[in-house]
Structure formats: structure tokens, C-alpha cells
């Protein structure tokens, strides 16, 4: 029987980062969407608003805005989350 092939640590780390980065970005999007909601983005205007339709679709707009912020570089939260996820995987071993 052949011994298992050992992948160099640098390659494992890059593979983990590529796999975990989209998850970290999704977490940042969710966080930013909640913060935008708390700041009042997506709330209906009192005058000349879109009515019930605007209220129903406001969360989609806020989520799309949060995605665009993250695509443009975000607030650096993705990198912090990514480092924490990778540290957790290293600890699990």
C-alpha cells in the first residue's frame, strides 16, 4: 500500500482560504444588511413612498446594497472572519 500524499501546508492554507472566503463574505453581507436596516436604509418615506410594495421589497434592496459594499471591499470584516474560520479549522485539525 502506498503512503498518503502529503499536501504542503501552504497549499492547504490557500485551498482553505479559497473555500472559506465566500462564506466569510456572506457573513459580512448579512452583518452589513442588518446594520443598514438599523440605520434606516430601506424604510419607506412618508411622502411619495412606494407604499406596501416598497415595504415588501425593501429587504431585497438592502441586501443588494450590502452585497455591493462587500464586492467593493467592504469594511475588512471578511478578512477577520476568514482568519477566524481558518484558525478554527487548524485547531480542529
PDB file of N, CA and C in Angstrom:
ATOM      1  N   UNK A   1       0.836  -1.177   0.000  1.00  0.00           N
ATOM      2  CA  UNK A   1       0.000   0.000   0.000  1.00  0.00           C
ATOM      3  C   UNK A   1       0.886   1.248   0.000  1.00  0.00           C
ATOM      4  N   UNK A   2       0.501   2.235  -0.804  1.00  0.00           N
ATOM      5  CA  UNK A   2       1.261   3.477  -0.900  1.00  0.00           C
ATOM      6  C   UNK A   2       0.910   4.404   0.265  1.00  0.00           C
ATOM      7  N   UNK A   3       1.899   5.142   0.740  1.00  0.00           N
ATOM      8  CA  UNK A   3       1.598   6.096   1.814  1.00  0.00           C
ATOM      9  C   UNK A   3       0.753   7.252   1.265  1.00  0.00           C
ATOM     10  N   UNK A   4      -0.055   7.882   2.116  1.00  0.00           N
ATOM     11  CA  UNK A   4      -0.868   9.006   1.643  1.00  0.00           C
ATOM     12  C   UNK A   4       0.012  10.165   1.192  1.00  0.00           C
ATOM     13  N   UNK A   5      -0.462  10.879   0.220  1.00  0.00           N
ATOM     14  CA  UNK A   5       0.261  12.033  -0.292  1.00  0.00           C
ATOM     15  C   UNK A   5       0.041  13.202   0.659  1.00  0.00           C
ATOM     16  N   UNK A   6       1.122  13.806   1.071  1.00  0.00           N
ATOM     17  CA  UNK A   6       1.035  14.969   1.963  1.00  0.00           C
ATOM     18  C   UNK A   6       1.033  16.245   1.134  1.00  0.00           C
ATOM     19  N   UNK A   7       0.026  17.044   1.310  1.00  0.00           N
ATOM     20  CA  UNK A   7      -0.050  18.327   0.617  1.00  0.00           C
ATOM     21  C   UNK A   7       0.673  19.356   1.470  1.00  0.00           C
ATOM     22  N   UNK A   8       1.575  20.143   0.893  1.00  0.00           N
ATOM     23  CA  UNK A   8       2.266  21.155   1.683  1.00  0.00           C
ATOM     24  C   UNK A   8       1.276  22.083   2.391  1.00  0.00           C
ATOM     25  N   UNK A   9       1.678  22.533   3.565  1.00  0.00           N
ATOM     26  CA  UNK A   9       0.808  23.374   4.393  1.00  0.00           C
ATOM     27  C   UNK A   9       0.376  24.631   3.642  1.00  0.00           C
ATOM     28  N   UNK A  10       1.274  25.255   2.884  1.00  0.00           N
ATOM     29  CA  UNK A  10       0.916  26.480   2.157  1.00  0.00           C
ATOM     30  C   UNK A  10      -0.218  26.208   1.176  1.00  0.00           C
ATOM     31  N   UNK A  11      -0.172  25.058   0.484  1.00  0.00           N
ATOM     32  CA  UNK A  11      -1.229  24.709  -0.462  1.00  0.00           C
ATOM     33  C   UNK A  11      -2.546  24.450   0.258  1.00  0.00           C
ATOM     34  N   UNK A  12      -2.488  23.787   1.419  1.00  0.00           N
ATOM     35  CA  UNK A  12      -3.696  23.540   2.199  1.00  0.00           C
ATOM     36  C   UNK A  12      -4.315  24.854   2.643  1.00  0.00           C
ATOM     37  N   UNK A  13      -3.476  25.765   3.099  1.00  0.00           N
ATOM     38  CA  UNK A  13      -3.969  27.051   3.586  1.00  0.00           C
ATOM     39  C   UNK A  13      -4.628  27.837   2.465  1.00  0.00           C
ATOM     40  N   UNK A  14      -4.016  27.850   1.281  1.00  0.00           N
ATOM     41  CA  UNK A  14      -4.608  28.563   0.151  1.00  0.00           C
ATOM     42  C   UNK A  14      -5.916  27.917  -0.267  1.00  0.00           C
ATOM     43  N   UNK A  15      -5.975  26.592  -0.247  1.00  0.00           N
ATOM     44  CA  UNK A  15      -7.206  25.889  -0.584  1.00  0.00           C
ATOM     45  C   UNK A  15      -8.312  26.183   0.406  1.00  0.00           C
ATOM     46  N   UNK A  16      -7.956  26.207   1.685  1.00  0.00           N
ATOM     47  CA  UNK A  16      -8.946  26.529   2.713  1.00  0.00           C
ATOM     48  C   UNK A  16      -9.436  27.960   2.562  1.00  0.00           C
ATOM     49  N   UNK A  17      -8.535  28.876   2.285  1.00  0.00           N
ATOM     50  CA  UNK A  17      -8.928  30.282   2.132  1.00  0.00           C
ATOM     51  C   UNK A  17      -9.864  30.447   0.951  1.00  0.00           C
ATOM     52  N   UNK A  18      -9.574  29.772  -0.155  1.00  0.00           N
ATOM     53  CA  UNK A  18     -10.435  29.876  -1.337  1.00  0.00           C
ATOM     54  C   UNK A  18     -11.814  29.293  -1.063  1.00  0.00           C
ATOM     55  N   UNK A  19     -11.870  28.258  -0.258  1.00  0.00           N
ATOM     56  CA  UNK A  19     -13.142  27.611   0.063  1.00  0.00           C
ATOM     57  C   UNK A  19     -13.934  28.407   1.102  1.00  0.00           C
ATOM     58  N   UNK A  20     -13.225  29.026   2.048  1.00  0.00           N
ATOM     59  CA  UNK A  20     -13.896  29.717   3.154  1.00  0.00           C
ATOM     60  C   UNK A  20     -14.213  31.185   2.856  1.00  0.00           C
ATOM     61  N   UNK A  21     -13.511  31.802   1.888  1.00  0.00           N
ATOM     62  CA  UNK A  21     -13.733  33.220   1.606  1.00  0.00           C
ATOM     63  C   UNK A  21     -15.186  33.538   1.246  1.00  0.00           C
ATOM     64  N   UNK A  22     -15.845  32.772   0.359  1.00  0.00           N
ATOM     65  CA  UNK A  22     -17.251  33.080   0.066  1.00  0.00           C
ATOM     66  C   UNK A  22     -18.149  33.017   1.303  1.00  0.00           C
ATOM     67  N   UNK A  23     -17.850  32.106   2.211  1.00  0.00           N
ATOM     68  CA  UNK A  23     -18.626  32.032   3.448  1.00  0.00           C
ATOM     69  C   UNK A  23     -18.413  33.272   4.306  1.00  0.00           C
ATOM     70  N   UNK A  24     -17.165  33.715   4.388  1.00  0.00           N
ATOM     71  CA  UNK A  24     -16.858  34.913   5.162  1.00  0.00           C
ATOM     72  C   UNK A  24     -17.522  36.141   4.535  1.00  0.00           C
ATOM     73  N   UNK A  25     -17.545  36.202   3.206  1.00  0.00           N
ATOM     74  CA  UNK A  25     -18.210  37.320   2.532  1.00  0.00           C
ATOM     75  C   UNK A  25     -19.707  37.310   2.788  1.00  0.00           C
ATOM     76  N   UNK A  26     -20.316  36.124   2.793  1.00  0.00           N
ATOM     77  CA  UNK A  26     -21.748  36.027   3.078  1.00  0.00           C
ATOM     78  C   UNK A  26     -22.054  36.505   4.491  1.00  0.00           C
ATOM     79  N   UNK A  27     -21.176  36.183   5.428  1.00  0.00           N
ATOM     80  CA  UNK A  27     -21.374  36.656   6.797  1.00  0.00           C
ATOM     81  C   UNK A  27     -21.267  38.174   6.868  1.00  0.00           C
ATOM     82  N   UNK A  28     -20.297  38.762   6.146  1.00  0.00           N
ATOM     83  CA  UNK A  28     -20.177  40.211   6.137  1.00  0.00           C
ATOM     84  C   UNK A  28     -21.404  40.855   5.490  1.00  0.00           C
ATOM     85  N   UNK A  29     -21.914  40.261   4.413  1.00  0.00           N
ATOM     86  CA  UNK A  29     -23.123  40.789   3.765  1.00  0.00           C
ATOM     87  C   UNK A  29     -24.282  40.780   4.746  1.00  0.00           C
ATOM     88  N   UNK A  30     -24.470  39.677   5.450  1.00  0.00           N
ATOM     89  CA  UNK A  30     -25.555  39.594   6.423  1.00  0.00           C
ATOM     90  C   UNK A  30     -25.418  40.623   7.531  1.00  0.00           C
ATOM     91  N   UNK A  31     -24.197  40.798   8.017  1.00  0.00           N
ATOM     92  CA  UNK A  31     -23.948  41.784   9.066  1.00  0.00           C
ATOM     93  C   UNK A  31     -24.235  43.194   8.561  1.00  0.00           C
ATOM     94  N   UNK A  32     -23.723  43.513   7.361  1.00  0.00           N
ATOM     95  CA  UNK A  32     -23.943  44.854   6.812  1.00  0.00           C
ATOM     96  C   UNK A  32     -25.420  45.114   6.527  1.00  0.00           C
ATOM     97  N   UNK A  33     -26.138  44.107   6.052  1.00  0.00           N
ATOM     98  CA  UNK A  33     -27.565  44.277   5.797  1.00  0.00           C
ATOM     99  C   UNK A  33     -28.295  44.619   7.094  1.00  0.00           C
ATOM    100  N   UNK A  34     -27.946  43.943   8.174  1.00  0.00           N
ATOM    101  CA  UNK A  34     -28.578  44.254   9.463  1.00  0.00           C
ATOM    102  C   UNK A  34     -28.206  45.654   9.930  1.00  0.00           C
ATOM    103  N   UNK A  35     -26.971  46.050   9.732  1.00  0.00           N
ATOM    104  CA  UNK A  35     -26.547  47.388  10.142  1.00  0.00           C
ATOM    105  C   UNK A  35     -27.229  48.468   9.291  1.00  0.00           C
ATOM    106  N   UNK A  36     -27.381  48.208   7.992  1.00  0.00           N
ATOM    107  CA  UNK A  36     -28.088  49.153   7.131  1.00  0.00           C
ATOM    108  C   UNK A  36     -29.548  49.267   7.541  1.00  0.00           C
ATOM    109  N   UNK A  37     -30.179  48.142   7.878  1.00  0.00           N
ATOM    110  CA  UNK A  37     -31.558  48.186   8.372  1.00  0.00           C
ATOM    111  C   UNK A  37     -31.652  49.007   9.643  1.00  0.00           C
ATOM    112  N   UNK A  38     -30.716  48.794  10.554  1.00  0.00           N
ATOM    113  CA  UNK A  38     -30.720  49.532  11.817  1.00  0.00           C
ATOM    114  C   UNK A  38     -30.502  51.031  11.594  1.00  0.00           C
ATOM    115  N   UNK A  39     -29.767  51.367  10.550  1.00  0.00           N
ATOM    116  CA  UNK A  39     -29.502  52.779  10.239  1.00  0.00           C
ATOM    117  C   UNK A  39     -30.656  53.429   9.490  1.00  0.00           C
ATOM    118  N   UNK A  40     -31.657  52.632   9.096  1.00  0.00           N
ATOM    119  CA  UNK A  40     -32.827  53.204   8.450  1.00  0.00           C
ATOM    120  C   UNK A  40     -32.880  53.053   6.944  1.00  0.00           C
ATOM    121  N   UNK A  41     -31.892  52.387   6.357  1.00  0.00           N
ATOM    122  CA  UNK A  41     -31.961  52.154   4.915  1.00  0.00           C
ATOM    123  C   UNK A  41     -33.098  51.190   4.641  1.00  0.00           C
ATOM    124  N   UNK A  42     -33.838  51.436   3.594  1.00  0.00           N
ATOM    125  CA  UNK A  42     -34.934  50.562   3.237  1.00  0.00           C
ATOM    126  C   UNK A  42     -36.263  50.946   3.872  1.00  0.00           C
ATOM    127  N   UNK A  43     -36.246  51.955   4.738  1.00  0.00           N
ATOM    128  CA  UNK A  43     -37.501  52.399   5.332  1.00  0.00           C
ATOM    129  C   UNK A  43     -38.284  53.212   4.312  1.00  0.00           C
ATOM    130  N   UNK A  44     -39.598  53.094   4.375  1.00  0.00           N
ATOM    131  CA  UNK A  44     -40.453  53.864   3.475  1.00  0.00           C
ATOM    132  C   UNK A  44     -40.400  55.339   3.835  1.00  0.00           C
ATOM    133  N   UNK A  45     -40.486  56.152   2.793  1.00  0.00           N
ATOM    134  CA  UNK A  45     -40.581  57.590   3.018  1.00  0.00           C
ATOM    135  C   UNK A  45     -42.023  57.935   3.345  1.00  0.00           C
ATOM    136  N   UNK A  46     -42.209  58.996   4.086  1.00  0.00           N
ATOM    137  CA  UNK A  46     -43.568  59.407   4.454  1.00  0.00           C
ATOM    138  C   UNK A  46     -44.327  59.936   3.245  1.00  0.00           C
ATOM    139  N   UNK A  47     -43.673  60.737   2.455  1.00  0.00           N
ATOM    140  CA  UNK A  47     -44.344  61.326   1.293  1.00  0.00           C
ATOM    141  C   UNK A  47     -43.785  60.724   0.014  1.00  0.00           C
ATOM    142  N   UNK A  48     -44.637  60.415  -0.909  1.00  0.00           N
ATOM    143  CA  UNK A  48     -44.252  59.904  -2.227  1.00  0.00           C
ATOM    144  C   UNK A  48     -43.475  58.590  -2.124  1.00  0.00           C
ATOM    145  N   UNK A  49     -43.822  57.780  -1.150  1.00  0.00           N
ATOM    146  CA  UNK A  49     -43.171  56.481  -1.000  1.00  0.00           C
ATOM    147  C   UNK A  49     -43.817  55.461  -1.931  1.00  0.00           C
ATOM    148  N   UNK A  50     -43.330  54.244  -1.883  1.00  0.00           N
ATOM    149  CA  UNK A  50     -43.823  53.196  -2.760  1.00  0.00           C
ATOM    150  C   UNK A  50     -44.933  52.363  -2.158  1.00  0.00           C
ATOM    151  N   UNK A  51     -45.369  52.715  -0.961  1.00  0.00           N
ATOM    152  CA  UNK A  51     -46.474  52.001  -0.337  1.00  0.00           C
ATOM    153  C   UNK A  51     -46.079  50.619   0.140  1.00  0.00           C
ATOM    154  N   UNK A  52     -47.074  49.712   0.125  1.00  0.00           N
ATOM    155  CA  UNK A  52     -46.855  48.360   0.633  1.00  0.00           C
ATOM    156  C   UNK A  52     -45.822  47.607  -0.184  1.00  0.00           C
ATOM    157  N   UNK A  53     -45.782  47.838  -1.480  1.00  0.00           N
ATOM    158  CA  UNK A  53     -44.797  47.168  -2.331  1.00  0.00           C
ATOM    159  C   UNK A  53     -43.380  47.520  -1.944  1.00  0.00           C
ATOM    160  N   UNK A  54     -43.173  48.782  -1.633  1.00  0.00           N
ATOM    161  CA  UNK A  54     -41.837  49.216  -1.219  1.00  0.00           C
ATOM    162  C   UNK A  54     -41.447  48.535   0.086  1.00  0.00           C
ATOM    163  N   UNK A  55     -42.381  48.462   1.011  1.00  0.00           N
ATOM    164  CA  UNK A  55     -42.090  47.802   2.286  1.00  0.00           C
ATOM    165  C   UNK A  55     -41.755  46.330   2.093  1.00  0.00           C
ATOM    166  N   UNK A  56     -42.467  45.681   1.192  1.00  0.00           N
ATOM    167  CA  UNK A  56     -42.252  44.251   0.976  1.00  0.00           C
ATOM    168  C   UNK A  56     -40.907  43.937   0.336  1.00  0.00           C
ATOM    169  N   UNK A  57     -40.409  44.829  -0.498  1.00  0.00           N
ATOM    170  CA  UNK A  57     -39.167  44.553  -1.219  1.00  0.00           C
ATOM    171  C   UNK A  57     -37.961  45.307  -0.671  1.00  0.00           C
ATOM    172  N   UNK A  58     -38.134  46.051   0.400  1.00  0.00           N
ATOM    173  CA  UNK A  58     -37.040  46.836   0.961  1.00  0.00           C
ATOM    174  C   UNK A  58     -35.874  45.946   1.408  1.00  0.00           C
ATOM    175  N   UNK A  59     -36.164  44.781   1.961  1.00  0.00           N
ATOM    176  CA  UNK A  59     -35.090  43.911   2.442  1.00  0.00           C
ATOM    177  C   UNK A  59     -34.206  43.430   1.290  1.00  0.00           C
ATOM    178  N   UNK A  60     -34.809  43.224   0.100  1.00  0.00           N
ATOM    179  CA  UNK A  60     -34.012  42.819  -1.063  1.00  0.00           C
ATOM    180  C   UNK A  60     -33.054  43.931  -1.482  1.00  0.00           C
ATOM    181  N   UNK A  61     -33.538  45.166  -1.438  1.00  0.00           N
ATOM    182  CA  UNK A  61     -32.695  46.308  -1.787  1.00  0.00           C
ATOM    183  C   UNK A  61     -31.540  46.452  -0.807  1.00  0.00           C
ATOM    184  N   UNK A  62     -31.842  46.345   0.475  1.00  0.00           N
ATOM    185  CA  UNK A  62     -30.796  46.477   1.492  1.00  0.00           C
ATOM    186  C   UNK A  62     -29.765  45.362   1.336  1.00  0.00           C
ATOM    187  N   UNK A  63     -30.221  44.148   1.074  1.00  0.00           N
ATOM    188  CA  UNK A  63     -29.293  43.029   0.885  1.00  0.00           C
ATOM    189  C   UNK A  63     -28.410  43.264  -0.349  1.00  0.00           C
ATOM    190  N   UNK A  64     -28.995  43.763  -1.441  1.00  0.00           N
ATOM    191  CA  UNK A  64     -28.221  44.051  -2.656  1.00  0.00           C
ATOM    192  C   UNK A  64     -27.201  45.157  -2.396  1.00  0.00           C
ATOM    193  N   UNK A  65     -27.587  46.162  -1.619  1.00  0.00           N
ATOM    194  CA  UNK A  65     -26.638  47.227  -1.277  1.00  0.00           C
ATOM    195  C   UNK A  65     -25.485  46.671  -0.449  1.00  0.00           C
ATOM    196  N   UNK A  66     -25.796  45.801   0.497  1.00  0.00           N
ATOM    197  CA  UNK A  66     -24.753  45.193   1.325  1.00  0.00           C
ATOM    198  C   UNK A  66     -23.808  44.348   0.468  1.00  0.00           C
ATOM    199  N   UNK A  67     -24.355  43.599  -0.497  1.00  0.00           N
ATOM    200  CA  UNK A  67     -23.509  42.806  -1.394  1.00  0.00           C
ATOM    201  C   UNK A  67     -22.564  43.702  -2.184  1.00  0.00           C
ATOM    202  N   UNK A  68     -23.058  44.818  -2.665  1.00  0.00           N
ATOM    203  CA  UNK A  68     -22.216  45.736  -3.435  1.00  0.00           C
ATOM    204  C   UNK A  68     -21.118  46.336  -2.569  1.00  0.00           C
ATOM    205  N   UNK A  69     -21.437  46.639  -1.324  1.00  0.00           N
ATOM    206  CA  UNK A  69     -20.413  47.173  -0.412  1.00  0.00           C
ATOM    207  C   UNK A  69     -19.310  46.140  -0.215  1.00  0.00           C
ATOM    208  N   UNK A  70     -19.685  44.881  -0.019  1.00  0.00           N
ATOM    209  CA  UNK A  70     -18.689  43.827   0.182  1.00  0.00           C
ATOM    210  C   UNK A  70     -17.874  43.611  -1.093  1.00  0.00           C
ATOM    211  N   UNK A  71     -18.513  43.625  -2.257  1.00  0.00           N
ATOM    212  CA  UNK A  71     -17.779  43.468  -3.524  1.00  0.00           C
ATOM    213  C   UNK A  71     -16.778  44.598  -3.733  1.00  0.00           C
ATOM    214  N   UNK A  72     -17.120  45.785  -3.223  1.00  0.00           N
ATOM    215  CA  UNK A  72     -16.229  46.931  -3.369  1.00  0.00           C
ATOM    216  C   UNK A  72     -15.117  46.942  -2.322  1.00  0.00           C
ATOM    217  N   UNK A  73     -15.085  45.944  -1.468  1.00  0.00           N
ATOM    218  CA  UNK A  73     -14.023  45.862  -0.465  1.00  0.00           C
ATOM    219  C   UNK A  73     -14.537  45.794   0.952  1.00  0.00           C
ATOM    220  N   UNK A  74     -15.781  46.169   1.160  1.00  0.00           N
ATOM    221  CA  UNK A  74     -16.387  46.071   2.484  1.00  0.00           C
ATOM    222  C   UNK A  74     -15.655  46.889   3.525  1.00  0.00           C
ATOM    223  N   UNK A  75     -15.767  46.438   4.746  1.00  0.00           N
ATOM    224  CA  UNK A  75     -15.133  47.120   5.877  1.00  0.00           C
ATOM    225  C   UNK A  75     -13.990  46.312   6.462  1.00  0.00           C
ATOM    226  N   UNK A  76     -13.574  45.273   5.752  1.00  0.00           N
ATOM    227  CA  UNK A  76     -12.487  44.428   6.233  1.00  0.00           C
ATOM    228  C   UNK A  76     -12.963  43.307   7.138  1.00  0.00           C
ATOM    229  N   UNK A  77     -14.252  43.213   7.317  1.00  0.00           N
ATOM    230  CA  UNK A  77     -14.797  42.175   8.177  1.00  0.00           C
ATOM    231  C   UNK A  77     -14.591  40.788   7.575  1.00  0.00           C
ATOM    232  N   UNK A  78     -14.626  40.691   6.258  1.00  0.00           N
ATOM    233  CA  UNK A  78     -14.431  39.397   5.590  1.00  0.00           C
ATOM    234  C   UNK A  78     -13.090  38.791   5.978  1.00  0.00           C
ATOM    235  N   UNK A  79     -12.041  39.598   5.983  1.00  0.00           N
ATOM    236  CA  UNK A  79     -10.709  39.079   6.306  1.00  0.00           C
ATOM    237  C   UNK A  79     -10.633  38.612   7.749  1.00  0.00           C
ATOM    238  N   UNK A  80     -11.256  39.348   8.653  1.00  0.00           N
ATOM    239  CA  UNK A  80     -11.252  38.945  10.064  1.00  0.00           C
ATOM    240  C   UNK A  80     -12.007  37.640  10.249  1.00  0.00           C
ATOM    241  N   UNK A  81     -13.157  37.528   9.597  1.00  0.00           N
ATOM    242  CA  UNK A  81     -13.951  36.296   9.692  1.00  0.00           C
ATOM    243  C   UNK A  81     -13.182  35.144   9.072  1.00  0.00           C
ATOM    244  N   UNK A  82     -12.546  35.385   7.923  1.00  0.00           N
ATOM    245  CA  UNK A  82     -11.777  34.342   7.242  1.00  0.00           C
ATOM    246  C   UNK A  82     -10.651  33.834   8.138  1.00  0.00           C
ATOM    247  N   UNK A  83      -9.933  34.727   8.779  1.00  0.00           N
ATOM    248  CA  UNK A  83      -8.844  34.319   9.670  1.00  0.00           C
ATOM    249  C   UNK A  83      -9.376  33.488  10.834  1.00  0.00           C
ATOM    250  N   UNK A  84     -10.528  33.885  11.382  1.00  0.00           N
ATOM    251  CA  UNK A  84     -11.122  33.128  12.483  1.00  0.00           C
ATOM    252  C   UNK A  84     -11.568  31.745  12.021  1.00  0.00           C
ATOM    253  N   UNK A  85     -12.160  31.647  10.838  1.00  0.00           N
ATOM    254  CA  UNK A  85     -12.582  30.347  10.316  1.00  0.00           C
ATOM    255  C   UNK A  85     -11.380  29.441  10.076  1.00  0.00           C
ATOM    256  N   UNK A  86     -10.323  30.010   9.512  1.00  0.00           N
ATOM    257  CA  UNK A  86      -9.121  29.208   9.240  1.00  0.00           C
ATOM    258  C   UNK A  86      -8.464  28.762  10.532  1.00  0.00           C
ATOM    259  N   UNK A  87      -8.454  29.632  11.537  1.00  0.00           N
ATOM    260  CA  UNK A  87      -7.871  29.250  12.840  1.00  0.00           C
ATOM    261  C   UNK A  87      -8.685  28.130  13.464  1.00  0.00           C
ATOM    262  N   UNK A  88     -10.000  28.197  13.310  1.00  0.00           N
ATOM    263  CA  UNK A  88     -10.848  27.135  13.828  1.00  0.00           C
ATOM    264  C   UNK A  88     -10.602  25.813  13.138  1.00  0.00           C
ATOM    265  N   UNK A  89     -10.381  25.849  11.829  1.00  0.00           N
ATOM    266  CA  UNK A  89     -10.090  24.613  11.097  1.00  0.00           C
ATOM    267  C   UNK A  89      -8.722  24.049  11.493  1.00  0.00           C
ATOM    268  N   UNK A  90      -7.746  24.932  11.719  1.00  0.00           N
ATOM    269  CA  UNK A  90      -6.433  24.443  12.142  1.00  0.00           C
ATOM    270  C   UNK A  90      -6.522  23.784  13.512  1.00  0.00           C
ATOM    271  N   UNK A  91      -7.350  24.354  14.387  1.00  0.00           N
ATOM    272  CA  UNK A  91      -7.496  23.800  15.730  1.00  0.00           C
ATOM    273  C   UNK A  91      -8.201  22.451  15.681  1.00  0.00           C
ATOM    274  N   UNK A  92      -9.157  22.316  14.741  1.00  0.00           N
ATOM    275  CA  UNK A  92      -9.874  21.043  14.609  1.00  0.00           C
ATOM    276  C   UNK A  92      -8.994  19.977  13.973  1.00  0.00           C
ATOM    277  N   UNK A  93      -8.012  20.456  13.221  1.00  0.00           N
ATOM    278  CA  UNK A  93      -7.009  19.643  12.692  1.00  0.00           C
ATOM    279  C   UNK A  93      -7.157  18.705  11.651  1.00  0.00           C
TER     280      UNK A  93
END
